[in-house]
Amino acid sequence: AISKYMMDSVVKHVNDKSLFFGSLVCSVVHPKTTPFPKDAVAALQYGTVAVNCDTAFGYGACYEGGRWGGHAMESLHQSGREYVGNIYSLPKMDKCVVYNRAGLASSPPLNKNSKTPALIFDVLHSASMCKTTSAGIQVIITTLIARLLQMIIPKSILVGILGKNAGVPYNSPLFAS
């Protein structure tokens, strides 16, 4: 009964783009006392579906093999046309589903021993802002060089060397004191 209600009412309503803008993320709050609605989660047309956890875990999952971006089948492209992640190049990957197996009574489990280095986030963020592949590669190289120089040269001199068009934002952790 719950699965039918989810499919016929909730999923249909939430997927209606005349009611909801975009297809980036969707949260599902599900109690352990009812069967898990796998078919409903599969039918949600969102790039990331987070079950009993924050949708930010979907962004983190893209560095573990998941993907981050709007739903692949969403034709309006309200949440963009591309995505990051899918490091294993899985074909026809249209969404990432993350969930907290422990349920709502506990916080989501984190593997604190496996943190993505800040350098990876800096490089991916900077490169994703570029309009062309060559500009993205240039930004990646510039960011890596800047990180290397940061270990050797003081910040005030480093900003002077890289200049304003270096491709690395000055409010980035790269330039943190």
N, C-alpha and C. Protein backbone atom coordinates (compact mmCIF):
# COMPACT_ATOMS: atom_id res chain seq x y z
N ALA A 1 0.82 -1.19 0.00
CA ALA A 1 0.00 0.00 0.00
C ALA A 1 0.86 1.26 0.00
N ILE A 2 1.93 1.27 0.82
CA ILE A 2 2.79 2.44 0.88
C ILE A 2 3.55 2.61 -0.43
N SER A 3 4.05 1.52 -0.99
CA SER A 3 4.78 1.60 -2.24
C SER A 3 3.89 2.13 -3.36
N LYS A 4 2.65 1.68 -3.41
CA LYS A 4 1.71 2.16 -4.42
C LYS A 4 1.44 3.65 -4.23
N TYR A 5 1.23 4.06 -2.98
CA TYR A 5 1.02 5.49 -2.69
C TYR A 5 2.23 6.30 -3.11
N MET A 6 3.43 5.81 -2.79
CA MET A 6 4.66 6.53 -3.16
C MET A 6 4.73 6.70 -4.67
N MET A 7 4.48 5.64 -5.42
CA MET A 7 4.59 5.69 -6.88
C MET A 7 3.48 6.55 -7.50
N ASP A 8 2.26 6.35 -7.07
CA ASP A 8 1.12 7.03 -7.69
C ASP A 8 0.98 8.49 -7.29
N SER A 9 1.38 8.83 -6.10
CA SER A 9 1.17 10.19 -5.61
C SER A 9 2.47 10.97 -5.42
N VAL A 10 3.32 10.48 -4.54
CA VAL A 10 4.51 11.24 -4.16
C VAL A 10 5.47 11.41 -5.33
N VAL A 11 5.88 10.31 -5.94
CA VAL A 11 6.87 10.38 -7.02
C VAL A 11 6.33 11.19 -8.20
N LYS A 12 5.09 10.94 -8.55
CA LYS A 12 4.48 11.68 -9.66
C LYS A 12 4.48 13.18 -9.37
N HIS A 13 4.14 13.56 -8.15
CA HIS A 13 4.10 14.96 -7.75
C HIS A 13 5.50 15.59 -7.73
N VAL A 14 6.45 14.91 -7.11
CA VAL A 14 7.80 15.45 -6.97
C VAL A 14 8.52 15.54 -8.32
N ASN A 15 8.23 14.64 -9.24
CA ASN A 15 8.86 14.67 -10.57
C ASN A 15 8.24 15.71 -11.51
N ASP A 16 7.13 16.31 -11.12
CA ASP A 16 6.45 17.29 -11.97
C ASP A 16 7.23 18.60 -11.96
N LYS A 17 7.92 18.90 -13.04
CA LYS A 17 8.79 20.08 -13.10
C LYS A 17 8.01 21.39 -13.23
N SER A 18 6.70 21.32 -13.42
CA SER A 18 5.91 22.56 -13.36
C SER A 18 5.67 22.97 -11.90
N LEU A 19 5.91 22.04 -10.97
CA LEU A 19 5.74 22.32 -9.56
C LEU A 19 7.06 22.54 -8.84
N PHE A 20 8.10 21.84 -9.28
CA PHE A 20 9.41 21.92 -8.63
C PHE A 20 10.47 22.26 -9.67
N PHE A 21 11.33 23.24 -9.35
CA PHE A 21 12.39 23.65 -10.26
C PHE A 21 13.60 22.74 -10.07
N GLY A 22 14.17 22.30 -11.18
CA GLY A 22 15.44 21.58 -11.15
C GLY A 22 15.32 20.09 -10.86
N SER A 23 16.47 19.44 -10.96
CA SER A 23 16.53 18.00 -10.73
C SER A 23 17.83 17.61 -10.06
N LEU A 24 18.40 18.52 -9.27
CA LEU A 24 19.69 18.25 -8.66
C LEU A 24 19.60 17.25 -7.51
N VAL A 25 18.81 17.56 -6.48
CA VAL A 25 18.76 16.69 -5.30
C VAL A 25 17.33 16.51 -4.81
N CYS A 26 17.12 15.41 -4.11
CA CYS A 26 15.82 15.12 -3.50
C CYS A 26 16.10 14.32 -2.22
N SER A 27 15.43 14.70 -1.15
CA SER A 27 15.58 13.98 0.12
C SER A 27 14.36 13.10 0.37
N VAL A 28 14.61 11.91 0.87
CA VAL A 28 13.54 10.98 1.24
C VAL A 28 13.73 10.65 2.71
N VAL A 29 12.69 10.90 3.49
CA VAL A 29 12.71 10.54 4.91
C VAL A 29 11.87 9.28 5.02
N HIS A 30 12.51 8.20 5.47
CA HIS A 30 11.85 6.89 5.49
C HIS A 30 12.04 6.22 6.83
N PRO A 31 10.94 5.89 7.51
CA PRO A 31 11.07 5.19 8.80
C PRO A 31 11.39 3.71 8.60
N LYS A 32 12.08 3.14 9.57
CA LYS A 32 12.43 1.72 9.49
C LYS A 32 11.22 0.81 9.64
N THR A 33 10.12 1.36 10.09
CA THR A 33 8.94 0.54 10.38
C THR A 33 8.16 0.14 9.13
N THR A 34 8.51 0.67 7.98
CA THR A 34 7.81 0.31 6.74
C THR A 34 8.82 -0.22 5.74
N PRO A 35 8.38 -1.02 4.77
CA PRO A 35 9.30 -1.55 3.76
C PRO A 35 9.94 -0.41 2.96
N PHE A 36 11.19 -0.59 2.64
CA PHE A 36 11.90 0.45 1.88
C PHE A 36 11.37 0.51 0.45
N PRO A 37 10.96 1.69 -0.03
CA PRO A 37 10.35 1.82 -1.36
C PRO A 37 11.39 1.95 -2.47
N LYS A 38 12.09 0.85 -2.80
CA LYS A 38 13.14 0.90 -3.82
C LYS A 38 12.61 1.38 -5.17
N ASP A 39 11.41 0.93 -5.54
CA ASP A 39 10.86 1.34 -6.84
C ASP A 39 10.59 2.84 -6.88
N ALA A 40 10.15 3.41 -5.76
CA ALA A 40 9.90 4.85 -5.71
C ALA A 40 11.20 5.64 -5.81
N VAL A 41 12.22 5.21 -5.10
CA VAL A 41 13.52 5.89 -5.17
C VAL A 41 14.08 5.80 -6.59
N ALA A 42 13.94 4.65 -7.22
CA ALA A 42 14.42 4.48 -8.59
C ALA A 42 13.67 5.38 -9.57
N ALA A 43 12.41 5.66 -9.30
CA ALA A 43 11.60 6.46 -10.22
C ALA A 43 11.78 7.96 -10.03
N LEU A 44 12.39 8.39 -8.94
CA LEU A 44 12.61 9.82 -8.72
C LEU A 44 13.61 10.35 -9.76
N GLN A 45 13.24 11.41 -10.43
CA GLN A 45 14.08 11.98 -11.49
C GLN A 45 14.92 13.13 -10.94
N TYR A 46 15.88 12.76 -10.10
CA TYR A 46 16.81 13.70 -9.49
C TYR A 46 18.21 13.12 -9.59
N GLY A 47 19.20 13.98 -9.73
CA GLY A 47 20.57 13.52 -9.86
C GLY A 47 21.10 12.85 -8.62
N THR A 48 20.68 13.33 -7.46
CA THR A 48 21.04 12.71 -6.18
C THR A 48 19.78 12.53 -5.35
N VAL A 49 19.58 11.33 -4.86
CA VAL A 49 18.49 11.03 -3.94
C VAL A 49 19.14 10.62 -2.63
N ALA A 50 18.84 11.37 -1.58
CA ALA A 50 19.41 11.09 -0.26
C ALA A 50 18.31 10.54 0.64
N VAL A 51 18.51 9.34 1.15
CA VAL A 51 17.52 8.70 2.00
C VAL A 51 18.02 8.77 3.44
N ASN A 52 17.29 9.49 4.27
CA ASN A 52 17.59 9.64 5.70
C ASN A 52 18.97 10.24 5.96
N CYS A 53 19.43 11.10 5.07
CA CYS A 53 20.70 11.79 5.29
C CYS A 53 20.72 13.08 4.47
N ASP A 54 21.72 13.87 4.68
CA ASP A 54 21.86 15.14 3.97
C ASP A 54 22.26 14.89 2.53
N THR A 55 21.72 15.70 1.61
CA THR A 55 22.03 15.54 0.19
C THR A 55 23.50 15.85 -0.12
N ALA A 56 24.19 16.54 0.78
CA ALA A 56 25.62 16.82 0.58
C ALA A 56 26.44 15.53 0.50
N PHE A 57 25.94 14.46 1.09
CA PHE A 57 26.65 13.19 0.99
C PHE A 57 26.70 12.70 -0.45
N GLY A 58 25.73 13.12 -1.26
CA GLY A 58 25.75 12.79 -2.69
C GLY A 58 26.92 13.45 -3.39
N TYR A 59 27.22 14.69 -3.00
CA TYR A 59 28.37 15.39 -3.59
C TYR A 59 29.67 14.67 -3.21
N GLY A 60 29.76 14.27 -1.96
CA GLY A 60 30.94 13.52 -1.52
C GLY A 60 31.06 12.17 -2.21
N ALA A 61 29.93 11.56 -2.54
CA ALA A 61 29.94 10.25 -3.19
C ALA A 61 30.51 10.30 -4.60
N CYS A 62 30.49 11.47 -5.22
CA CYS A 62 31.01 11.55 -6.60
C CYS A 62 32.52 11.29 -6.63
N TYR A 63 33.18 11.43 -5.50
CA TYR A 63 34.62 11.14 -5.45
C TYR A 63 34.90 9.70 -5.07
N GLU A 64 33.84 8.95 -4.83
CA GLU A 64 33.96 7.53 -4.51
C GLU A 64 33.37 6.66 -5.62
N GLY A 65 32.92 7.28 -6.72
CA GLY A 65 32.36 6.52 -7.84
C GLY A 65 30.97 6.96 -8.24
N GLY A 66 30.30 7.75 -7.40
CA GLY A 66 28.96 8.25 -7.72
C GLY A 66 29.03 9.39 -8.72
N ARG A 67 27.93 10.10 -8.89
CA ARG A 67 27.89 11.26 -9.77
C ARG A 67 27.16 12.38 -9.07
N TRP A 68 27.43 13.63 -9.48
CA TRP A 68 26.76 14.81 -8.94
C TRP A 68 26.36 15.68 -10.11
N GLY A 69 25.10 15.99 -10.19
CA GLY A 69 24.57 16.85 -11.24
C GLY A 69 23.10 16.58 -11.39
N GLY A 70 22.44 17.33 -12.25
CA GLY A 70 21.02 17.12 -12.48
C GLY A 70 20.74 15.73 -13.06
N HIS A 71 19.49 15.31 -12.98
CA HIS A 71 19.11 14.00 -13.51
C HIS A 71 19.35 13.95 -15.01
N ALA A 72 19.91 12.87 -15.49
CA ALA A 72 20.31 12.75 -16.90
C ALA A 72 19.13 12.85 -17.87
N MET A 73 17.96 12.44 -17.46
CA MET A 73 16.81 12.44 -18.36
C MET A 73 15.98 13.72 -18.30
N GLU A 74 16.38 14.67 -17.46
CA GLU A 74 15.62 15.90 -17.32
C GLU A 74 15.89 16.81 -18.51
N SER A 75 14.90 17.02 -19.35
CA SER A 75 15.09 17.71 -20.63
C SER A 75 15.14 19.22 -20.51
N LEU A 76 14.67 19.80 -19.41
CA LEU A 76 14.68 21.25 -19.27
C LEU A 76 16.06 21.79 -18.88
N HIS A 77 16.92 20.94 -18.39
CA HIS A 77 18.29 21.29 -17.98
C HIS A 77 18.30 22.43 -16.96
N GLN A 78 17.34 22.43 -16.06
CA GLN A 78 17.28 23.46 -15.03
C GLN A 78 18.41 23.31 -14.03
N SER A 79 18.97 22.14 -13.91
CA SER A 79 20.08 21.91 -12.99
C SER A 79 21.38 21.64 -13.74
N GLY A 80 21.47 22.11 -14.96
CA GLY A 80 22.67 21.94 -15.76
C GLY A 80 22.58 20.78 -16.71
N ARG A 81 23.57 20.67 -17.57
CA ARG A 81 23.59 19.63 -18.60
C ARG A 81 24.64 18.56 -18.34
N GLU A 82 25.54 18.80 -17.44
CA GLU A 82 26.65 17.88 -17.20
C GLU A 82 26.69 17.46 -15.74
N TYR A 83 27.68 16.68 -15.39
CA TYR A 83 27.85 16.20 -14.03
C TYR A 83 29.33 16.00 -13.75
N VAL A 84 29.67 15.83 -12.49
CA VAL A 84 31.02 15.44 -12.09
C VAL A 84 30.92 14.06 -11.46
N GLY A 85 32.01 13.37 -11.42
CA GLY A 85 32.03 12.04 -10.83
C GLY A 85 31.98 10.94 -11.86
N ASN A 86 31.35 9.84 -11.49
CA ASN A 86 31.30 8.62 -12.31
C ASN A 86 32.71 8.23 -12.74
N ILE A 87 33.60 8.15 -11.76
CA ILE A 87 35.01 7.88 -12.05
C ILE A 87 35.25 6.51 -12.66
N TYR A 88 34.25 5.63 -12.57
CA TYR A 88 34.40 4.31 -13.19
C TYR A 88 33.76 4.25 -14.57
N SER A 89 33.28 5.39 -15.06
CA SER A 89 32.68 5.52 -16.39
C SER A 89 31.56 4.49 -16.63
N LEU A 90 30.68 4.36 -15.66
CA LEU A 90 29.55 3.44 -15.81
C LEU A 90 28.58 4.01 -16.84
N PRO A 91 28.15 3.21 -17.80
CA PRO A 91 27.24 3.73 -18.82
C PRO A 91 25.83 3.95 -18.24
N LYS A 92 25.14 4.93 -18.79
CA LYS A 92 23.73 5.21 -18.45
C LYS A 92 23.51 5.46 -16.96
N MET A 93 24.46 6.08 -16.30
CA MET A 93 24.30 6.41 -14.89
C MET A 93 23.53 7.73 -14.80
N ASP A 94 22.30 7.68 -14.31
CA ASP A 94 21.49 8.89 -14.30
C ASP A 94 21.30 9.50 -12.92
N LYS A 95 21.70 8.81 -11.87
CA LYS A 95 21.55 9.36 -10.53
C LYS A 95 22.47 8.66 -9.55
N CYS A 96 22.59 9.27 -8.38
CA CYS A 96 23.35 8.70 -7.27
C CYS A 96 22.39 8.63 -6.08
N VAL A 97 22.29 7.49 -5.44
CA VAL A 97 21.44 7.33 -4.27
C VAL A 97 22.35 7.10 -3.06
N VAL A 98 22.22 7.95 -2.06
CA VAL A 98 22.97 7.79 -0.82
C VAL A 98 21.96 7.62 0.30
N TYR A 99 22.29 6.79 1.28
CA TYR A 99 21.36 6.58 2.37
C TYR A 99 22.09 6.23 3.65
N ASN A 100 21.40 6.50 4.74
CA ASN A 100 21.90 6.20 6.07
C ASN A 100 21.26 4.88 6.51
N ARG A 101 22.04 3.82 6.50
CA ARG A 101 21.51 2.49 6.84
C ARG A 101 21.01 2.42 8.28
N ALA A 102 21.57 3.27 9.13
CA ALA A 102 21.19 3.22 10.55
C ALA A 102 19.82 3.80 10.82
N GLY A 103 19.23 4.48 9.86
CA GLY A 103 17.90 5.07 10.04
C GLY A 103 17.97 6.47 10.60
N LEU A 104 16.83 6.97 11.01
CA LEU A 104 16.73 8.36 11.46
C LEU A 104 17.22 8.58 12.88
N ALA A 105 17.40 7.52 13.65
CA ALA A 105 17.77 7.67 15.05
C ALA A 105 19.24 8.03 15.26
N SER A 106 20.05 7.92 14.23
CA SER A 106 21.47 8.21 14.39
C SER A 106 21.95 9.11 13.26
N SER A 107 23.12 9.68 13.46
CA SER A 107 23.70 10.52 12.41
C SER A 107 24.31 9.61 11.34
N PRO A 108 24.44 10.11 10.11
CA PRO A 108 25.01 9.28 9.04
C PRO A 108 26.44 8.85 9.36
N PRO A 109 26.80 7.62 9.02
CA PRO A 109 28.16 7.16 9.30
C PRO A 109 29.15 7.83 8.36
N LEU A 110 30.27 8.22 8.89
CA LEU A 110 31.34 8.82 8.10
C LEU A 110 32.61 8.03 8.29
N ASN A 111 33.34 7.85 7.22
CA ASN A 111 34.64 7.23 7.33
C ASN A 111 35.65 8.37 7.50
N LYS A 112 35.95 8.70 8.74
CA LYS A 112 36.82 9.84 9.02
C LYS A 112 38.27 9.58 8.62
N ASN A 113 38.61 8.34 8.34
CA ASN A 113 39.96 8.02 7.92
C ASN A 113 40.16 8.18 6.42
N SER A 114 39.07 8.42 5.68
CA SER A 114 39.15 8.51 4.22
C SER A 114 38.59 9.84 3.74
N LYS A 115 39.29 10.92 4.07
CA LYS A 115 38.84 12.25 3.65
C LYS A 115 39.44 12.57 2.29
N THR A 116 38.62 13.19 1.46
CA THR A 116 39.12 13.65 0.17
C THR A 116 40.00 14.87 0.42
N PRO A 117 41.22 14.88 -0.10
CA PRO A 117 42.12 16.02 0.13
C PRO A 117 41.53 17.31 -0.43
N ALA A 118 41.78 18.42 0.28
CA ALA A 118 41.26 19.73 -0.14
C ALA A 118 41.75 20.08 -1.54
N LEU A 119 42.94 19.63 -1.90
CA LEU A 119 43.48 19.92 -3.23
C LEU A 119 42.55 19.37 -4.31
N ILE A 120 41.98 18.20 -4.11
CA ILE A 120 41.07 17.61 -5.10
C ILE A 120 39.83 18.50 -5.27
N PHE A 121 39.26 18.96 -4.15
CA PHE A 121 38.10 19.84 -4.23
C PHE A 121 38.45 21.15 -4.93
N ASP A 122 39.63 21.72 -4.60
CA ASP A 122 40.05 22.97 -5.25
C ASP A 122 40.18 22.79 -6.75
N VAL A 123 40.83 21.73 -7.17
CA VAL A 123 41.05 21.48 -8.59
C VAL A 123 39.72 21.25 -9.31
N LEU A 124 38.86 20.39 -8.76
CA LEU A 124 37.58 20.11 -9.41
C LEU A 124 36.69 21.33 -9.45
N HIS A 125 36.66 22.10 -8.38
CA HIS A 125 35.84 23.30 -8.37
C HIS A 125 36.33 24.30 -9.42
N SER A 126 37.62 24.56 -9.42
CA SER A 126 38.17 25.54 -10.37
C SER A 126 37.99 25.07 -11.81
N ALA A 127 38.24 23.81 -12.08
CA ALA A 127 38.12 23.29 -13.44
C ALA A 127 36.67 23.27 -13.90
N SER A 128 35.74 23.04 -12.99
CA SER A 128 34.33 22.98 -13.39
C SER A 128 33.79 24.34 -13.80
N MET A 129 34.48 25.41 -13.44
CA MET A 129 34.04 26.75 -13.81
C MET A 129 34.51 27.16 -15.21
N CYS A 130 35.34 26.34 -15.83
CA CYS A 130 35.90 26.68 -17.14
C CYS A 130 34.95 26.27 -18.26
N LYS A 131 34.98 27.05 -19.34
CA LYS A 131 34.09 26.78 -20.48
C LYS A 131 34.67 25.77 -21.46
N THR A 132 35.99 25.60 -21.47
CA THR A 132 36.60 24.66 -22.40
C THR A 132 37.51 23.69 -21.66
N THR A 133 37.78 22.57 -22.28
CA THR A 133 38.67 21.58 -21.69
C THR A 133 40.08 22.14 -21.51
N SER A 134 40.57 22.87 -22.52
CA SER A 134 41.93 23.42 -22.43
C SER A 134 42.03 24.43 -21.28
N ALA A 135 40.99 25.24 -21.08
CA ALA A 135 41.00 26.18 -19.96
C ALA A 135 40.97 25.41 -18.64
N GLY A 136 40.21 24.32 -18.58
CA GLY A 136 40.17 23.49 -17.38
C GLY A 136 41.52 22.88 -17.05
N ILE A 137 42.20 22.39 -18.08
CA ILE A 137 43.54 21.82 -17.87
C ILE A 137 44.50 22.89 -17.39
N GLN A 138 44.40 24.08 -17.97
CA GLN A 138 45.26 25.20 -17.55
C GLN A 138 45.01 25.54 -16.08
N VAL A 139 43.75 25.55 -15.67
CA VAL A 139 43.42 25.85 -14.28
C VAL A 139 43.94 24.76 -13.36
N ILE A 140 43.82 23.51 -13.76
CA ILE A 140 44.33 22.40 -12.94
C ILE A 140 45.84 22.54 -12.75
N ILE A 141 46.55 22.79 -13.82
CA ILE A 141 48.01 22.95 -13.73
C ILE A 141 48.36 24.15 -12.86
N THR A 142 47.66 25.27 -13.07
CA THR A 142 47.91 26.47 -12.27
C THR A 142 47.66 26.21 -10.79
N THR A 143 46.57 25.50 -10.48
CA THR A 143 46.25 25.21 -9.08
C THR A 143 47.32 24.33 -8.45
N LEU A 144 47.76 23.31 -9.20
CA LEU A 144 48.81 22.43 -8.66
C LEU A 144 50.12 23.18 -8.44
N ILE A 145 50.48 24.04 -9.37
CA ILE A 145 51.70 24.85 -9.22
C ILE A 145 51.56 25.80 -8.03
N ALA A 146 50.37 26.41 -7.91
CA ALA A 146 50.13 27.33 -6.81
C ALA A 146 50.24 26.62 -5.47
N ARG A 147 49.71 25.42 -5.37
CA ARG A 147 49.82 24.65 -4.13
C ARG A 147 51.28 24.33 -3.80
N LEU A 148 52.05 23.99 -4.81
CA LEU A 148 53.47 23.72 -4.61
C LEU A 148 54.18 24.98 -4.14
N LEU A 149 53.90 26.09 -4.82
CA LEU A 149 54.54 27.36 -4.44
C LEU A 149 54.11 27.82 -3.06
N GLN A 150 52.87 27.49 -2.67
CA GLN A 150 52.38 27.90 -1.36
C GLN A 150 53.22 27.31 -0.24
N MET A 151 53.77 26.15 -0.47
CA MET A 151 54.61 25.51 0.55
C MET A 151 55.97 26.19 0.66
N ILE A 152 56.35 26.92 -0.38
CA ILE A 152 57.69 27.50 -0.42
C ILE A 152 57.69 29.02 -0.25
N ILE A 153 56.74 29.70 -0.87
CA ILE A 153 56.74 31.16 -0.95
C ILE A 153 55.61 31.75 -0.10
N PRO A 154 55.85 32.87 0.60
CA PRO A 154 54.79 33.50 1.39
C PRO A 154 53.61 33.95 0.51
N LYS A 155 52.42 34.04 1.13
CA LYS A 155 51.19 34.37 0.42
C LYS A 155 51.29 35.69 -0.34
N SER A 156 51.83 36.72 0.26
CA SER A 156 51.87 38.04 -0.39
C SER A 156 52.69 37.99 -1.68
N ILE A 157 53.73 37.25 -1.70
CA ILE A 157 54.55 37.13 -2.91
C ILE A 157 53.85 36.22 -3.93
N LEU A 158 53.23 35.15 -3.47
CA LEU A 158 52.54 34.20 -4.34
C LEU A 158 51.42 34.88 -5.14
N VAL A 159 50.63 35.73 -4.49
CA VAL A 159 49.55 36.44 -5.18
C VAL A 159 50.14 37.34 -6.26
N GLY A 160 51.26 37.97 -5.98
CA GLY A 160 51.92 38.81 -6.98
C GLY A 160 52.43 38.01 -8.17
N ILE A 161 52.90 36.80 -7.94
CA ILE A 161 53.42 35.96 -9.02
C ILE A 161 52.28 35.45 -9.90
N LEU A 162 51.21 34.96 -9.31
CA LEU A 162 50.12 34.36 -10.07
C LEU A 162 49.23 35.38 -10.77
N GLY A 163 49.11 36.56 -10.20
CA GLY A 163 48.29 37.59 -10.83
C GLY A 163 46.81 37.30 -10.68
N LYS A 164 45.98 38.23 -11.17
CA LYS A 164 44.54 38.12 -11.00
C LYS A 164 43.90 37.12 -11.93
N ASN A 165 44.53 36.74 -13.02
CA ASN A 165 43.95 35.80 -13.98
C ASN A 165 44.56 34.41 -13.85
N ALA A 166 44.96 34.06 -12.65
CA ALA A 166 45.62 32.78 -12.45
C ALA A 166 44.66 31.60 -12.45
N GLY A 167 43.37 31.88 -12.35
CA GLY A 167 42.39 30.80 -12.36
C GLY A 167 42.12 30.22 -11.00
N VAL A 168 42.76 30.75 -9.95
CA VAL A 168 42.54 30.28 -8.61
C VAL A 168 41.91 31.41 -7.81
N PRO A 169 40.70 31.23 -7.27
CA PRO A 169 40.06 32.31 -6.53
C PRO A 169 40.83 32.67 -5.28
N TYR A 170 40.92 33.97 -4.96
CA TYR A 170 41.70 34.41 -3.81
C TYR A 170 41.03 34.06 -2.49
N ASN A 171 39.74 33.77 -2.51
CA ASN A 171 39.08 33.36 -1.27
C ASN A 171 39.13 31.84 -1.11
N SER A 172 39.84 31.17 -1.99
CA SER A 172 39.98 29.72 -1.98
C SER A 172 40.84 29.31 -0.77
N PRO A 173 40.66 28.08 -0.27
CA PRO A 173 41.53 27.58 0.80
C PRO A 173 43.00 27.60 0.38
N LEU A 174 43.24 27.68 -0.91
CA LEU A 174 44.61 27.73 -1.40
C LEU A 174 45.35 28.91 -0.82
N PHE A 175 44.66 30.05 -0.63
CA PHE A 175 45.28 31.26 -0.13
C PHE A 175 44.98 31.52 1.33
N ALA A 176 44.47 30.51 2.03
CA ALA A 176 44.17 30.70 3.45
C ALA A 176 45.45 30.89 4.22
N SER A 177 45.41 31.78 5.21
CA SER A 177 46.61 32.06 6.02
C SER A 177 46.89 30.93 6.97
